[in-house]
Protein backbone atom coordinates (compact mmCIF):
# COMPACT_ATOMS: atom_id res chain seq x y z
CA MET A 1 -33.39 13.47 4.73
CA SER A 2 -29.75 13.36 5.74
CA GLU A 3 -28.66 13.29 9.38
CA LEU A 4 -27.42 16.88 9.21
CA ASP A 5 -30.69 18.01 7.59
CA PHE A 6 -32.53 16.32 10.46
CA ILE A 7 -30.34 18.15 12.99
CA ASN A 8 -31.02 21.47 11.25
CA THR A 9 -34.76 20.78 11.45
CA ALA A 10 -34.48 19.78 15.12
CA VAL A 11 -32.60 22.90 16.22
CA THR A 12 -35.27 25.10 14.66
CA LYS A 13 -37.89 23.25 16.73
CA PHE A 14 -35.96 24.39 19.82
CA GLY A 15 -35.95 27.99 18.60
CA TYR A 16 -32.43 28.06 17.20
CA LYS A 17 -31.33 29.02 13.70
CA SER A 18 -30.75 26.34 11.11
CA MET A 19 -27.29 26.25 9.59
CA LYS A 20 -28.38 25.70 6.03
CA GLU A 21 -24.84 25.22 4.83
CA ARG A 22 -23.88 21.76 6.06
CA TYR A 23 -20.19 22.63 6.36
CA TYR A 24 -20.94 24.89 9.36
CA TRP A 25 -21.58 21.81 11.50
CA THR A 26 -18.45 20.09 12.71
CA ILE A 27 -18.75 16.32 13.08
CA LEU A 28 -17.05 15.02 16.21
CA ASN A 29 -16.00 11.74 17.71
CA LYS A 30 -17.10 11.07 21.29
CA LYS A 31 -13.77 12.17 22.78
CA GLN A 32 -14.04 15.55 21.04
CA ALA A 33 -17.67 15.90 22.17
CA VAL A 34 -16.56 15.32 25.78
CA GLN A 35 -13.83 17.94 25.37
CA ILE A 36 -16.21 20.56 24.00
CA LEU A 37 -18.88 20.01 26.64
CA THR A 38 -16.30 19.95 29.41
CA HIS A 39 -14.82 23.21 28.17
CA VAL A 40 -18.11 25.13 27.88
CA LEU A 41 -19.22 23.84 31.29
CA TYR A 42 -15.86 24.63 32.89
CA GLU A 43 -15.17 28.08 31.41
CA ASP A 44 -17.27 31.06 30.41
CA MET A 45 -17.17 31.49 26.61
CA ALA A 46 -16.86 35.28 26.77
CA TYR A 47 -14.15 35.77 29.38
CA ASN A 48 -12.74 32.29 29.97
CA SER A 49 -13.53 32.61 33.68
CA ARG A 50 -14.06 29.38 35.58
CA ILE A 51 -17.68 28.34 36.13
CA MET A 52 -17.11 25.02 37.91
CA GLU A 53 -14.39 22.51 38.66
CA GLU A 54 -13.08 20.86 35.52
CA GLU A 55 -13.60 17.36 36.98
CA LYS A 56 -17.29 18.12 37.62
CA ALA A 57 -17.66 19.53 34.11
CA ALA A 58 -16.14 16.37 32.62
CA GLU A 59 -18.42 14.19 34.77
CA LEU A 60 -21.53 16.05 33.55
CA ALA A 61 -20.35 15.91 29.93
CA ASN A 62 -19.79 12.16 30.16
CA LYS A 63 -23.18 11.56 31.82
CA PHE A 64 -24.94 13.17 28.89
CA LEU A 65 -22.86 11.52 26.18
CA ASP A 66 -23.09 8.10 27.83
CA LEU A 67 -26.81 8.14 26.99
CA PHE A 68 -25.76 7.52 23.39
CA ILE A 69 -24.31 4.03 23.18
CA GLU A 70 -24.75 3.15 19.51
CA GLU A 71 -21.53 3.00 17.52
CA ASP A 72 -22.98 5.11 14.72
CA THR A 73 -24.02 7.99 16.99
CA LEU A 74 -23.43 11.31 15.27
CA PHE A 75 -21.99 14.11 17.43
CA VAL A 76 -21.89 17.64 16.01
CA THR A 77 -21.06 21.13 17.20
CA ASN A 78 -20.89 24.61 15.76
CA GLY A 79 -17.45 25.52 17.09
CA MET A 80 -14.22 24.14 18.42
CA PHE A 81 -13.88 26.04 21.70
CA TYR A 82 -11.70 23.39 23.33
CA LYS A 83 -8.91 23.73 20.75
CA THR A 84 -7.74 27.23 21.62
CA THR A 85 -6.99 29.42 24.58
CA ASP A 86 -9.09 32.24 23.16
CA SER A 87 -12.80 32.12 22.43
CA GLY A 88 -12.31 29.98 19.34
CA SER A 89 -14.49 30.14 16.28
CA TRP A 90 -18.05 29.08 15.68
CA SER A 91 -21.13 29.54 13.53
CA ASP A 92 -23.90 30.81 15.76
CA ILE A 93 -27.32 29.20 15.96
CA SER A 94 -28.70 31.65 18.53
CA ASN A 95 -28.91 35.40 18.90
CA ALA A 96 -26.42 35.34 21.78
CA THR A 97 -22.93 36.77 21.41
CA PHE A 98 -21.50 33.29 22.05
CA ASP A 99 -23.11 29.90 21.73
CA SER A 100 -21.84 26.37 21.58
CA GLY A 101 -22.66 22.86 22.66
CA VAL A 102 -23.03 19.34 21.35
CA ILE A 103 -25.86 17.64 19.55
CA ALA A 104 -25.95 13.84 19.69
CA PHE A 105 -28.12 11.82 17.33
CA ASP A 106 -28.59 8.08 16.93
CA ASN A 107 -31.36 5.80 15.67
CA ASN A 108 -33.36 6.16 18.89
CA ARG A 109 -32.85 9.67 20.21
CA LEU A 110 -31.64 13.19 19.75
CA GLY A 111 -29.96 15.11 22.56
CA ILE A 112 -28.96 18.75 22.63
CA VAL A 113 -26.82 20.44 25.26
CA TRP A 114 -26.45 24.06 24.26
CA PHE A 115 -25.03 27.11 26.00
CA GLU A 116 -25.39 30.80 25.31
CA ASN A 117 -23.24 33.56 26.74
CA GLU A 118 -23.12 37.35 26.46
CA ASP A 119 -20.11 39.55 26.92
């Protein structure tokens, strides 16, 4: 089983939809993963309204991602919200209007931080 197949299986265990087409997952480096988590913690996905201070959002994002210290950690997401000033684009894994987050996977653990938002 490939890493992305494992991630698809894992998200279904949490009640989310599998993205059967592997190209829907976007593979990230750690810096991009921090940017995405910071963005979805900092701003509402539907209206871009501020939820918390950006510094606090970055601190929380780093705390989660720092749990994954192996060099070959795989970080994936379903959308690139941090790259645009609008809502961006994504492939949903929930029934919510908006959803995004980061999944981290290494040889020892799997971590999922996922957010859903309605407009």
